[in-house]
Amino acid sequence: MASECRDGFPRFPHRMPGLCCRVACCKAEAANLFSMKTLSHAGYVGIGCFVSMVSLAGVAVLTNTPFIFPSLGPTAYLLYFAPRAKASAPRDCLFGHAIALVCGYFALWASGLIDRPPDAEVQVEIARVVSAAASLGLTCFFLVISNVNHPPAGATTLIVALGLITQPWQLVVMELAVAVLLVQAILFNVLAGVPVPGWRGQSSPATS
């Protein structure tokens, strides 16, 4: 015979153990999903990312440079969603992408692909596979030994290793774009009264 757990849902101990507890968890998650706090945070993150991408894309259009690239997306998300996390710290953000750019370019050069266009709509070459794998492996190695934690760097190094970026000056522009995004996010968070991280991630007191 079915018994009831505290939330009123029937429990069937012999057939579906823990069912009511799972249902209760789903109800709690659904309530949290549509709470004002969650919606407010989601709106804040969405607006911050939107504003940053529009400004960076505008610079890219005006200067005809790679001032916007895919891995800036997850970086922006981290900076607005979890600004006090270590991965969002200025040191980790700047050094993470810098390490990725250098490792990606080195892998591209070592694979003899500097002057080759990226593989597109054709079979991927073995050299390109080597370049991609080496770039990510090197990037992860140097991130760990440098105590730098910024996951989007993994995408940055592949952008370079796959031949989408081949000129040294473009690497400088990409790192500059990271710095601009970082400054934007810090200013945005400060104006919103959100605690911002220190150089290594230790948050500063919230502004009043």
N, C-alpha and C. Protein backbone atom coordinates (compact mmCIF):
# COMPACT_ATOMS: atom_id res chain seq x y z
N MET A 1 0.86 -1.19 0.00
CA MET A 1 0.00 0.00 0.00
C MET A 1 0.89 1.24 0.00
N ALA A 2 0.50 2.20 -0.81
CA ALA A 2 1.34 3.38 -0.94
C ALA A 2 1.24 4.26 0.27
N SER A 3 2.36 4.80 0.71
CA SER A 3 2.40 5.78 1.79
C SER A 3 2.69 7.14 1.21
N GLU A 4 2.60 8.17 2.02
CA GLU A 4 2.85 9.52 1.53
C GLU A 4 4.09 10.10 2.18
N CYS A 5 4.85 10.85 1.38
CA CYS A 5 5.98 11.56 1.95
C CYS A 5 5.53 12.97 2.29
N ARG A 6 6.42 13.79 2.81
CA ARG A 6 6.03 15.06 3.39
C ARG A 6 5.40 16.03 2.38
N ASP A 7 5.73 15.91 1.08
CA ASP A 7 5.16 16.84 0.11
C ASP A 7 3.81 16.37 -0.42
N GLY A 8 3.27 15.24 0.10
CA GLY A 8 1.95 14.79 -0.29
C GLY A 8 1.92 13.83 -1.45
N PHE A 9 3.06 13.59 -2.09
CA PHE A 9 3.10 12.65 -3.22
C PHE A 9 3.19 11.23 -2.69
N PRO A 10 2.49 10.29 -3.36
CA PRO A 10 2.52 8.90 -2.89
C PRO A 10 3.89 8.27 -3.11
N ARG A 11 4.30 7.44 -2.20
CA ARG A 11 5.55 6.72 -2.30
C ARG A 11 5.24 5.22 -2.49
N PHE A 12 5.90 4.61 -3.42
CA PHE A 12 5.75 3.18 -3.67
C PHE A 12 7.08 2.52 -3.37
N PRO A 13 7.31 2.12 -2.17
CA PRO A 13 8.63 1.65 -1.74
C PRO A 13 9.13 0.43 -2.49
N HIS A 14 8.23 -0.44 -2.99
CA HIS A 14 8.69 -1.65 -3.64
C HIS A 14 8.84 -1.49 -5.15
N ARG A 15 8.16 -0.51 -5.71
CA ARG A 15 8.17 -0.37 -7.17
C ARG A 15 9.03 0.81 -7.64
N MET A 16 8.82 1.97 -7.03
CA MET A 16 9.54 3.17 -7.48
C MET A 16 10.11 3.90 -6.27
N PRO A 17 11.17 3.38 -5.69
CA PRO A 17 11.75 4.01 -4.49
C PRO A 17 12.29 5.40 -4.79
N GLY A 18 11.96 6.31 -3.91
CA GLY A 18 12.47 7.68 -4.04
C GLY A 18 11.76 8.52 -5.08
N LEU A 19 10.63 8.02 -5.64
CA LEU A 19 9.95 8.76 -6.70
C LEU A 19 9.48 10.12 -6.22
N CYS A 20 8.84 10.13 -5.05
CA CYS A 20 8.28 11.40 -4.59
C CYS A 20 9.38 12.41 -4.30
N CYS A 21 10.53 11.93 -3.87
CA CYS A 21 11.64 12.84 -3.60
C CYS A 21 12.15 13.46 -4.89
N ARG A 22 12.19 12.64 -5.94
CA ARG A 22 12.63 13.17 -7.23
C ARG A 22 11.63 14.18 -7.77
N VAL A 23 10.33 13.90 -7.60
CA VAL A 23 9.31 14.84 -8.04
C VAL A 23 9.42 16.14 -7.26
N ALA A 24 9.65 16.03 -5.95
CA ALA A 24 9.79 17.23 -5.13
C ALA A 24 10.98 18.07 -5.58
N CYS A 25 12.07 17.40 -5.95
CA CYS A 25 13.26 18.13 -6.42
C CYS A 25 12.95 18.86 -7.72
N CYS A 26 12.19 18.20 -8.60
CA CYS A 26 11.82 18.82 -9.88
C CYS A 26 10.96 20.05 -9.63
N LYS A 27 10.04 19.93 -8.66
CA LYS A 27 9.19 21.07 -8.33
C LYS A 27 10.02 22.23 -7.80
N ALA A 28 10.98 21.93 -6.97
CA ALA A 28 11.83 22.97 -6.39
C ALA A 28 12.68 23.64 -7.46
N GLU A 29 13.21 22.83 -8.39
CA GLU A 29 14.03 23.39 -9.47
C GLU A 29 13.19 24.26 -10.39
N ALA A 30 11.95 23.83 -10.67
CA ALA A 30 11.08 24.62 -11.52
C ALA A 30 10.73 25.95 -10.87
N ALA A 31 10.47 25.92 -9.55
CA ALA A 31 10.16 27.15 -8.83
C ALA A 31 11.36 28.09 -8.84
N ASN A 32 12.56 27.53 -8.67
CA ASN A 32 13.77 28.35 -8.67
C ASN A 32 14.04 28.94 -10.05
N LEU A 33 13.72 28.15 -11.10
CA LEU A 33 13.97 28.60 -12.47
C LEU A 33 13.21 29.87 -12.78
N PHE A 34 12.00 29.98 -12.27
CA PHE A 34 11.16 31.12 -12.59
C PHE A 34 11.08 32.13 -11.44
N SER A 35 11.99 32.05 -10.50
CA SER A 35 12.01 33.02 -9.41
C SER A 35 12.51 34.36 -9.92
N MET A 36 12.11 35.43 -9.26
CA MET A 36 12.52 36.77 -9.67
C MET A 36 14.03 36.93 -9.59
N LYS A 37 14.64 36.31 -8.59
CA LYS A 37 16.09 36.41 -8.45
C LYS A 37 16.80 35.80 -9.65
N THR A 38 16.31 34.63 -10.07
CA THR A 38 16.92 33.97 -11.23
C THR A 38 16.70 34.76 -12.50
N LEU A 39 15.48 35.25 -12.69
CA LEU A 39 15.18 36.02 -13.89
C LEU A 39 15.98 37.32 -13.93
N SER A 40 16.15 37.93 -12.77
CA SER A 40 16.93 39.17 -12.70
C SER A 40 18.39 38.91 -13.06
N HIS A 41 18.93 37.83 -12.51
CA HIS A 41 20.33 37.49 -12.81
C HIS A 41 20.50 37.15 -14.28
N ALA A 42 19.55 36.39 -14.83
CA ALA A 42 19.62 36.02 -16.24
C ALA A 42 19.57 37.26 -17.14
N GLY A 43 18.70 38.20 -16.78
CA GLY A 43 18.61 39.43 -17.56
C GLY A 43 19.89 40.23 -17.49
N TYR A 44 20.48 40.29 -16.30
CA TYR A 44 21.73 41.03 -16.12
C TYR A 44 22.85 40.43 -16.97
N VAL A 45 22.99 39.11 -16.92
CA VAL A 45 24.04 38.44 -17.69
C VAL A 45 23.79 38.63 -19.19
N GLY A 46 22.54 38.47 -19.61
CA GLY A 46 22.22 38.62 -21.03
C GLY A 46 22.50 40.02 -21.55
N ILE A 47 22.09 41.03 -20.79
CA ILE A 47 22.31 42.41 -21.21
C ILE A 47 23.80 42.74 -21.24
N GLY A 48 24.53 42.30 -20.22
CA GLY A 48 25.96 42.57 -20.18
C GLY A 48 26.68 41.96 -21.37
N CYS A 49 26.38 40.71 -21.67
CA CYS A 49 27.01 40.04 -22.81
C CYS A 49 26.63 40.70 -24.12
N PHE A 50 25.35 41.10 -24.24
CA PHE A 50 24.88 41.76 -25.45
C PHE A 50 25.63 43.06 -25.69
N VAL A 51 25.73 43.89 -24.67
CA VAL A 51 26.40 45.18 -24.80
C VAL A 51 27.87 45.00 -25.17
N SER A 52 28.53 44.05 -24.52
CA SER A 52 29.95 43.82 -24.80
C SER A 52 30.17 43.33 -26.22
N MET A 53 29.36 42.40 -26.67
CA MET A 53 29.56 41.86 -28.02
C MET A 53 29.25 42.91 -29.09
N VAL A 54 28.24 43.74 -28.86
CA VAL A 54 27.93 44.79 -29.83
C VAL A 54 29.09 45.77 -29.95
N SER A 55 29.67 46.17 -28.83
CA SER A 55 30.77 47.13 -28.87
C SER A 55 32.02 46.53 -29.51
N LEU A 56 32.34 45.28 -29.18
CA LEU A 56 33.52 44.64 -29.76
C LEU A 56 33.32 44.40 -31.26
N ALA A 57 32.13 43.98 -31.64
CA ALA A 57 31.85 43.77 -33.05
C ALA A 57 31.91 45.08 -33.83
N GLY A 58 31.47 46.16 -33.17
CA GLY A 58 31.55 47.46 -33.82
C GLY A 58 32.98 47.87 -34.11
N VAL A 59 33.87 47.62 -33.16
CA VAL A 59 35.29 47.92 -33.38
C VAL A 59 35.84 47.06 -34.51
N ALA A 60 35.44 45.78 -34.53
CA ALA A 60 35.91 44.87 -35.58
C ALA A 60 35.48 45.36 -36.96
N VAL A 61 34.26 45.86 -37.08
CA VAL A 61 33.76 46.35 -38.37
C VAL A 61 34.51 47.61 -38.79
N LEU A 62 34.71 48.52 -37.85
CA LEU A 62 35.36 49.79 -38.17
C LEU A 62 36.83 49.63 -38.51
N THR A 63 37.49 48.67 -37.87
CA THR A 63 38.93 48.51 -38.06
C THR A 63 39.29 47.34 -38.98
N ASN A 64 38.30 46.53 -39.33
CA ASN A 64 38.54 45.35 -40.17
C ASN A 64 39.61 44.44 -39.55
N THR A 65 39.46 44.21 -38.25
CA THR A 65 40.39 43.36 -37.50
C THR A 65 39.59 42.30 -36.73
N PRO A 66 40.25 41.24 -36.28
CA PRO A 66 39.56 40.19 -35.51
C PRO A 66 39.33 40.61 -34.06
N PHE A 67 38.61 41.72 -33.87
CA PHE A 67 38.37 42.23 -32.53
C PHE A 67 37.24 41.48 -31.84
N ILE A 68 36.62 40.59 -32.56
CA ILE A 68 35.63 39.71 -31.96
C ILE A 68 35.86 38.31 -32.51
N PHE A 69 35.83 37.32 -31.65
CA PHE A 69 36.07 35.93 -32.05
C PHE A 69 35.31 35.02 -31.10
N PRO A 70 35.06 33.78 -31.48
CA PRO A 70 34.14 32.90 -30.74
C PRO A 70 34.40 32.76 -29.24
N SER A 71 35.65 32.62 -28.85
CA SER A 71 35.92 32.34 -27.44
C SER A 71 35.71 33.55 -26.53
N LEU A 72 35.45 34.72 -27.11
CA LEU A 72 35.08 35.86 -26.27
C LEU A 72 33.69 35.66 -25.67
N GLY A 73 32.87 34.83 -26.34
CA GLY A 73 31.53 34.56 -25.83
C GLY A 73 31.54 33.92 -24.45
N PRO A 74 32.20 32.76 -24.29
CA PRO A 74 32.25 32.16 -22.96
C PRO A 74 33.00 33.01 -21.93
N THR A 75 33.98 33.78 -22.39
CA THR A 75 34.67 34.68 -21.46
C THR A 75 33.70 35.73 -20.92
N ALA A 76 32.91 36.32 -21.82
CA ALA A 76 31.93 37.32 -21.40
C ALA A 76 30.92 36.70 -20.43
N TYR A 77 30.49 35.50 -20.72
CA TYR A 77 29.53 34.82 -19.84
C TYR A 77 30.09 34.66 -18.43
N LEU A 78 31.34 34.23 -18.34
CA LEU A 78 31.97 34.08 -17.03
C LEU A 78 32.07 35.41 -16.29
N LEU A 79 32.46 36.45 -17.01
CA LEU A 79 32.67 37.75 -16.37
C LEU A 79 31.39 38.34 -15.80
N TYR A 80 30.26 38.04 -16.44
CA TYR A 80 28.99 38.57 -15.96
C TYR A 80 28.24 37.59 -15.06
N PHE A 81 28.36 36.31 -15.34
CA PHE A 81 27.64 35.32 -14.55
C PHE A 81 28.30 35.05 -13.20
N ALA A 82 29.62 34.95 -13.20
CA ALA A 82 30.35 34.65 -11.97
C ALA A 82 31.59 35.54 -11.87
N PRO A 83 31.39 36.84 -11.68
CA PRO A 83 32.52 37.77 -11.70
C PRO A 83 33.54 37.55 -10.60
N ARG A 84 33.15 36.88 -9.53
CA ARG A 84 34.08 36.67 -8.41
C ARG A 84 34.82 35.34 -8.49
N ALA A 85 34.52 34.54 -9.51
CA ALA A 85 35.19 33.25 -9.67
C ALA A 85 36.63 33.44 -10.10
N LYS A 86 37.46 32.47 -9.80
CA LYS A 86 38.87 32.55 -10.20
C LYS A 86 39.00 32.65 -11.72
N ALA A 87 38.16 31.92 -12.43
CA ALA A 87 38.23 31.94 -13.90
C ALA A 87 37.92 33.31 -14.48
N SER A 88 37.25 34.16 -13.68
CA SER A 88 36.91 35.51 -14.14
C SER A 88 37.91 36.56 -13.68
N ALA A 89 38.90 36.16 -12.91
CA ALA A 89 39.90 37.11 -12.42
C ALA A 89 40.68 37.71 -13.59
N PRO A 90 41.05 38.98 -13.51
CA PRO A 90 41.83 39.60 -14.59
C PRO A 90 43.08 38.81 -14.98
N ARG A 91 43.81 38.32 -13.98
CA ARG A 91 45.03 37.55 -14.26
C ARG A 91 44.72 36.31 -15.08
N ASP A 92 43.71 35.56 -14.68
CA ASP A 92 43.38 34.32 -15.36
C ASP A 92 42.82 34.58 -16.76
N CYS A 93 42.03 35.63 -16.86
CA CYS A 93 41.43 35.97 -18.15
C CYS A 93 42.50 36.39 -19.17
N LEU A 94 43.33 37.33 -18.77
CA LEU A 94 44.36 37.85 -19.69
C LEU A 94 45.44 36.81 -19.99
N PHE A 95 45.98 36.19 -18.95
CA PHE A 95 47.03 35.20 -19.16
C PHE A 95 46.51 33.95 -19.85
N GLY A 96 45.27 33.58 -19.55
CA GLY A 96 44.70 32.39 -20.19
C GLY A 96 44.66 32.52 -21.70
N HIS A 97 44.13 33.64 -22.17
CA HIS A 97 44.06 33.84 -23.62
C HIS A 97 45.45 34.06 -24.22
N ALA A 98 46.33 34.74 -23.50
CA ALA A 98 47.68 34.97 -24.01
C ALA A 98 48.42 33.65 -24.20
N ILE A 99 48.33 32.78 -23.21
CA ILE A 99 48.96 31.45 -23.33
C ILE A 99 48.37 30.69 -24.50
N ALA A 100 47.06 30.76 -24.65
CA ALA A 100 46.39 30.05 -25.74
C ALA A 100 46.84 30.56 -27.11
N LEU A 101 46.96 31.86 -27.24
CA LEU A 101 47.37 32.44 -28.52
C LEU A 101 48.78 32.02 -28.90
N VAL A 102 49.68 32.07 -27.93
CA VAL A 102 51.08 31.69 -28.20
C VAL A 102 51.18 30.21 -28.54
N CYS A 103 50.52 29.36 -27.77
CA CYS A 103 50.57 27.91 -28.02
C CYS A 103 49.92 27.56 -29.35
N GLY A 104 48.82 28.22 -29.66
CA GLY A 104 48.16 27.95 -30.93
C GLY A 104 49.02 28.34 -32.11
N TYR A 105 49.68 29.49 -32.01
CA TYR A 105 50.53 29.93 -33.12
C TYR A 105 51.77 29.04 -33.25
N PHE A 106 52.33 28.64 -32.12
CA PHE A 106 53.48 27.75 -32.17
C PHE A 106 53.11 26.43 -32.83
N ALA A 107 51.97 25.87 -32.46
CA ALA A 107 51.53 24.61 -33.06
C ALA A 107 51.28 24.77 -34.55
N LEU A 108 50.71 25.89 -34.94
CA LEU A 108 50.46 26.16 -36.36
C LEU A 108 51.77 26.24 -37.13
N TRP A 109 52.75 26.93 -36.55
CA TRP A 109 54.07 27.07 -37.20
C TRP A 109 54.79 25.73 -37.25
N ALA A 110 54.80 25.00 -36.14
CA ALA A 110 55.50 23.73 -36.09
C ALA A 110 54.91 22.71 -37.05
N SER A 111 53.64 22.84 -37.35
CA SER A 111 52.98 21.91 -38.27
C SER A 111 53.12 22.34 -39.73
N GLY A 112 53.80 23.46 -39.97
CA GLY A 112 54.03 23.93 -41.33
C GLY A 112 52.78 24.48 -42.00
N LEU A 113 51.88 25.04 -41.21
CA LEU A 113 50.60 25.49 -41.76
C LEU A 113 50.41 27.00 -41.73
N ILE A 114 51.48 27.73 -41.44
CA ILE A 114 51.36 29.18 -41.33
C ILE A 114 50.80 29.80 -42.61
N ASP A 115 51.28 29.33 -43.76
CA ASP A 115 50.87 29.92 -45.04
C ASP A 115 49.77 29.13 -45.73
N ARG A 116 49.18 28.21 -45.01
CA ARG A 116 48.10 27.40 -45.60
C ARG A 116 46.75 27.91 -45.14
N PRO A 117 45.77 27.97 -46.05
CA PRO A 117 44.43 28.37 -45.64
C PRO A 117 43.81 27.29 -44.75
N PRO A 118 42.85 27.64 -43.93
CA PRO A 118 42.21 26.64 -43.06
C PRO A 118 41.46 25.60 -43.88
N ASP A 119 41.40 24.38 -43.35
CA ASP A 119 40.65 23.33 -44.03
C ASP A 119 39.15 23.65 -43.97
N ALA A 120 38.55 23.76 -45.13
CA ALA A 120 37.12 24.06 -45.19
C ALA A 120 36.51 23.31 -46.36
N GLU A 121 35.49 22.56 -46.06
CA GLU A 121 34.77 21.79 -47.07
C GLU A 121 35.68 20.79 -47.79
N VAL A 122 36.75 20.42 -47.15
CA VAL A 122 37.65 19.39 -47.69
C VAL A 122 38.05 18.48 -46.54
N GLN A 123 38.71 17.40 -46.88
CA GLN A 123 39.15 16.47 -45.84
C GLN A 123 40.24 17.13 -44.99
N VAL A 124 40.12 17.00 -43.70
CA VAL A 124 41.09 17.60 -42.79
C VAL A 124 42.42 16.87 -42.89
N GLU A 125 43.50 17.64 -43.01
CA GLU A 125 44.83 17.07 -43.13
C GLU A 125 45.35 16.56 -41.79
N ILE A 126 46.27 15.61 -41.86
CA ILE A 126 46.89 15.10 -40.64
C ILE A 126 47.64 16.21 -39.91
N ALA A 127 48.28 17.09 -40.68
CA ALA A 127 49.02 18.19 -40.07
C ALA A 127 48.10 19.10 -39.27
N ARG A 128 46.87 19.27 -39.74
CA ARG A 128 45.93 20.11 -39.02
C ARG A 128 45.49 19.44 -37.71
N VAL A 129 45.34 18.14 -37.75
CA VAL A 129 45.00 17.39 -36.55
C VAL A 129 46.11 17.53 -35.51
N VAL A 130 47.34 17.39 -35.98
CA VAL A 130 48.50 17.53 -35.09
C VAL A 130 48.55 18.92 -34.49
N SER A 131 48.30 19.93 -35.33
CA SER A 131 48.33 21.31 -34.86
C SER A 131 47.28 21.55 -33.78
N ALA A 132 46.08 21.08 -34.02
CA ALA A 132 44.99 21.29 -33.07
C ALA A 132 45.27 20.57 -31.75
N ALA A 133 45.67 19.31 -31.86
CA ALA A 133 45.92 18.53 -30.64
C ALA A 133 47.09 19.11 -29.85
N ALA A 134 48.17 19.48 -30.55
CA ALA A 134 49.34 20.03 -29.87
C ALA A 134 49.02 21.36 -29.20
N SER A 135 48.24 22.19 -29.88
CA SER A 135 47.92 23.50 -29.32
C SER A 135 47.12 23.38 -28.03
N LEU A 136 46.14 22.50 -28.04
CA LEU A 136 45.33 22.34 -26.84
C LEU A 136 46.12 21.68 -25.72
N GLY A 137 46.93 20.69 -26.07
CA GLY A 137 47.75 20.04 -25.05
C GLY A 137 48.72 21.00 -24.41
N LEU A 138 49.40 21.79 -25.22
CA LEU A 138 50.35 22.77 -24.69
C LEU A 138 49.64 23.83 -23.86
N THR A 139 48.51 24.29 -24.35
CA THR A 139 47.76 25.32 -23.62
C THR A 139 47.35 24.81 -22.24
N CYS A 140 46.79 23.62 -22.19
CA CYS A 140 46.37 23.06 -20.91
C CYS A 140 47.55 22.86 -19.98
N PHE A 141 48.68 22.42 -20.53
CA PHE A 141 49.89 22.22 -19.72
C PHE A 141 50.34 23.52 -19.07
N PHE A 142 50.43 24.57 -19.88
CA PHE A 142 50.92 25.85 -19.34
C PHE A 142 49.90 26.55 -18.46
N LEU A 143 48.62 26.31 -18.71
CA LEU A 143 47.60 26.86 -17.83
C LEU A 143 47.74 26.27 -16.43
N VAL A 144 47.96 24.97 -16.38
CA VAL A 144 48.05 24.29 -15.09
C VAL A 144 49.30 24.71 -14.32
N ILE A 145 50.46 24.69 -15.00
CA ILE A 145 51.69 25.02 -14.28
C ILE A 145 51.76 26.51 -13.91
N SER A 146 50.97 27.33 -14.61
CA SER A 146 50.94 28.77 -14.30
C SER A 146 49.83 29.11 -13.31
N ASN A 147 49.07 28.09 -12.89
CA ASN A 147 47.94 28.31 -12.00
C ASN A 147 46.96 29.32 -12.57
N VAL A 148 46.69 29.14 -13.86
CA VAL A 148 45.73 29.99 -14.57
C VAL A 148 44.53 29.12 -14.94
N ASN A 149 43.35 29.57 -14.56
CA ASN A 149 42.14 28.80 -14.82
C ASN A 149 41.17 29.63 -15.64
N HIS A 150 41.17 29.41 -16.95
CA HIS A 150 40.22 30.13 -17.81
C HIS A 150 39.84 29.21 -18.98
N PRO A 151 38.80 28.39 -18.82
CA PRO A 151 38.42 27.40 -19.84
C PRO A 151 38.26 27.94 -21.26
N PRO A 152 37.73 29.16 -21.49
CA PRO A 152 37.60 29.64 -22.87
C PRO A 152 38.92 29.69 -23.63
N ALA A 153 40.04 29.67 -22.92
CA ALA A 153 41.34 29.67 -23.60
C ALA A 153 41.49 28.45 -24.50
N GLY A 154 40.83 27.36 -24.14
CA GLY A 154 40.90 26.16 -24.97
C GLY A 154 40.33 26.39 -26.35
N ALA A 155 39.32 27.24 -26.45
CA ALA A 155 38.74 27.56 -27.76
C ALA A 155 39.63 28.53 -28.52
N THR A 156 40.24 29.46 -27.79
CA THR A 156 41.11 30.45 -28.44
C THR A 156 42.29 29.78 -29.14
N THR A 157 42.92 28.83 -28.47
CA THR A 157 44.09 28.18 -29.08
C THR A 157 43.70 27.38 -30.32
N LEU A 158 42.51 26.81 -30.34
CA LEU A 158 42.06 26.06 -31.52
C LEU A 158 41.74 26.99 -32.68
N ILE A 159 41.26 28.18 -32.39
CA ILE A 159 41.00 29.16 -33.46
C ILE A 159 42.28 29.43 -34.23
N VAL A 160 43.38 29.57 -33.50
CA VAL A 160 44.66 29.84 -34.14
C VAL A 160 45.23 28.58 -34.78
N ALA A 161 45.21 27.48 -34.06
CA ALA A 161 45.81 26.24 -34.57
C ALA A 161 45.12 25.71 -35.81
N LEU A 162 43.85 26.02 -35.97
CA LEU A 162 43.11 25.56 -37.14
C LEU A 162 43.28 26.50 -38.34
N GLY A 163 44.08 27.53 -38.16
CA GLY A 163 44.42 28.40 -39.29
C GLY A 163 43.45 29.53 -39.54
N LEU A 164 42.54 29.79 -38.62
CA LEU A 164 41.61 30.90 -38.80
C LEU A 164 42.29 32.23 -38.57
N ILE A 165 43.37 32.21 -37.79
CA ILE A 165 44.20 33.39 -37.55
C ILE A 165 45.64 32.98 -37.83
N THR A 166 46.33 33.72 -38.69
CA THR A 166 47.68 33.29 -39.09
C THR A 166 48.74 34.38 -38.96
N GLN A 167 48.33 35.62 -38.69
CA GLN A 167 49.29 36.72 -38.64
C GLN A 167 49.57 37.14 -37.19
N PRO A 168 50.84 37.37 -36.86
CA PRO A 168 51.18 37.77 -35.48
C PRO A 168 50.43 39.01 -34.99
N TRP A 169 50.23 39.98 -35.87
CA TRP A 169 49.54 41.19 -35.44
C TRP A 169 48.10 40.89 -35.05
N GLN A 170 47.53 39.87 -35.66
CA GLN A 170 46.17 39.49 -35.30
C GLN A 170 46.09 38.93 -33.88
N LEU A 171 47.15 38.26 -33.46
CA LEU A 171 47.19 37.75 -32.08
C LEU A 171 47.17 38.90 -31.08
N VAL A 172 47.90 39.97 -31.40
CA VAL A 172 47.94 41.15 -30.53
C VAL A 172 46.55 41.78 -30.45
N VAL A 173 45.88 41.87 -31.59
CA VAL A 173 44.53 42.44 -31.62
C VAL A 173 43.57 41.61 -30.77
N MET A 174 43.69 40.28 -30.86
CA MET A 174 42.81 39.40 -30.09
C MET A 174 43.03 39.57 -28.60
N GLU A 175 44.28 39.69 -28.18
CA GLU A 175 44.57 39.88 -26.76
C GLU A 175 44.07 41.26 -26.30
N LEU A 176 44.17 42.24 -27.17
CA LEU A 176 43.64 43.57 -26.84
C LEU A 176 42.13 43.52 -26.67
N ALA A 177 41.46 42.73 -27.51
CA ALA A 177 40.01 42.58 -27.41
C ALA A 177 39.62 41.95 -26.08
N VAL A 178 40.42 41.00 -25.62
CA VAL A 178 40.18 40.38 -24.32
C VAL A 178 40.29 41.42 -23.21
N ALA A 179 41.31 42.26 -23.30
CA ALA A 179 41.51 43.31 -22.29
C ALA A 179 40.35 44.30 -22.28
N VAL A 180 39.88 44.67 -23.46
CA VAL A 180 38.76 45.60 -23.56
C VAL A 180 37.49 44.98 -22.96
N LEU A 181 37.24 43.73 -23.29
CA LEU A 181 36.08 43.02 -22.72
C LEU A 181 36.17 42.97 -21.20
N LEU A 182 37.36 42.69 -20.69
CA LEU A 182 37.56 42.62 -19.24
C LEU A 182 37.25 43.95 -18.57
N VAL A 183 37.76 45.03 -19.14
CA VAL A 183 37.52 46.36 -18.57
C VAL A 183 36.04 46.70 -18.64
N GLN A 184 35.40 46.38 -19.76
CA GLN A 184 33.96 46.63 -19.89
C GLN A 184 33.18 45.93 -18.79
N ALA A 185 33.48 44.65 -18.60
CA ALA A 185 32.74 43.86 -17.62
C ALA A 185 32.95 44.39 -16.20
N ILE A 186 34.18 44.76 -15.89
CA ILE A 186 34.46 45.29 -14.54
C ILE A 186 33.68 46.58 -14.31
N LEU A 187 33.69 47.48 -15.29
CA LEU A 187 32.96 48.74 -15.17
C LEU A 187 31.46 48.50 -15.06
N PHE A 188 30.96 47.58 -15.87
CA PHE A 188 29.54 47.23 -15.87
C PHE A 188 29.14 46.70 -14.50
N ASN A 189 29.96 45.81 -13.96
CA ASN A 189 29.66 45.21 -12.66
C ASN A 189 29.74 46.25 -11.53
N VAL A 190 30.72 47.13 -11.61
CA VAL A 190 30.87 48.16 -10.58
C VAL A 190 29.65 49.09 -10.58
N LEU A 191 29.22 49.49 -11.77
CA LEU A 191 28.06 50.37 -11.87
C LEU A 191 26.79 49.69 -11.36
N ALA A 192 26.74 48.36 -11.49
CA ALA A 192 25.57 47.61 -11.03
C ALA A 192 25.68 47.23 -9.55
N GLY A 193 26.79 47.58 -8.91
CA GLY A 193 26.97 47.26 -7.51
C GLY A 193 27.36 45.82 -7.26
N VAL A 194 27.88 45.17 -8.30
CA VAL A 194 28.31 43.77 -8.17
C VAL A 194 29.77 43.73 -7.73
N PRO A 195 30.13 42.96 -6.70
CA PRO A 195 31.53 42.86 -6.28
C PRO A 195 32.41 42.38 -7.44
N VAL A 196 33.52 43.04 -7.64
CA VAL A 196 34.42 42.68 -8.73
C VAL A 196 35.66 41.99 -8.17
N PRO A 197 36.29 41.13 -8.96
CA PRO A 197 37.46 40.40 -8.45
C PRO A 197 38.72 41.24 -8.42
N GLY A 198 39.63 40.86 -7.55
CA GLY A 198 40.95 41.46 -7.57
C GLY A 198 41.76 40.83 -8.69
N TRP A 199 43.02 41.14 -8.76
CA TRP A 199 43.88 40.65 -9.84
C TRP A 199 43.88 39.12 -9.92
N ARG A 200 43.88 38.46 -8.78
CA ARG A 200 43.92 37.00 -8.77
C ARG A 200 42.57 36.35 -8.44
N GLY A 201 41.55 37.17 -8.33
CA GLY A 201 40.23 36.59 -8.13
C GLY A 201 39.58 36.88 -6.80
N GLN A 202 40.31 37.44 -5.85
CA GLN A 202 39.71 37.75 -4.55
C GLN A 202 38.81 38.96 -4.74
N SER A 203 37.55 38.80 -4.41
CA SER A 203 36.58 39.85 -4.67
C SER A 203 36.79 41.05 -3.77
N SER A 204 36.51 42.21 -4.34
CA SER A 204 36.55 43.44 -3.54
C SER A 204 35.18 43.67 -2.95
N PRO A 205 35.07 44.52 -1.92
CA PRO A 205 33.75 44.77 -1.31
C PRO A 205 32.79 45.38 -2.32
N ALA A 206 31.52 45.06 -2.15
CA ALA A 206 30.51 45.60 -3.05
C ALA A 206 30.44 47.10 -2.90
N THR A 207 30.21 47.76 -4.02
CA THR A 207 30.09 49.20 -3.97
C THR A 207 28.69 49.57 -3.53
N SER A 208 28.57 50.67 -2.85
CA SER A 208 27.25 51.08 -2.37
C SER A 208 26.73 52.24 -3.21
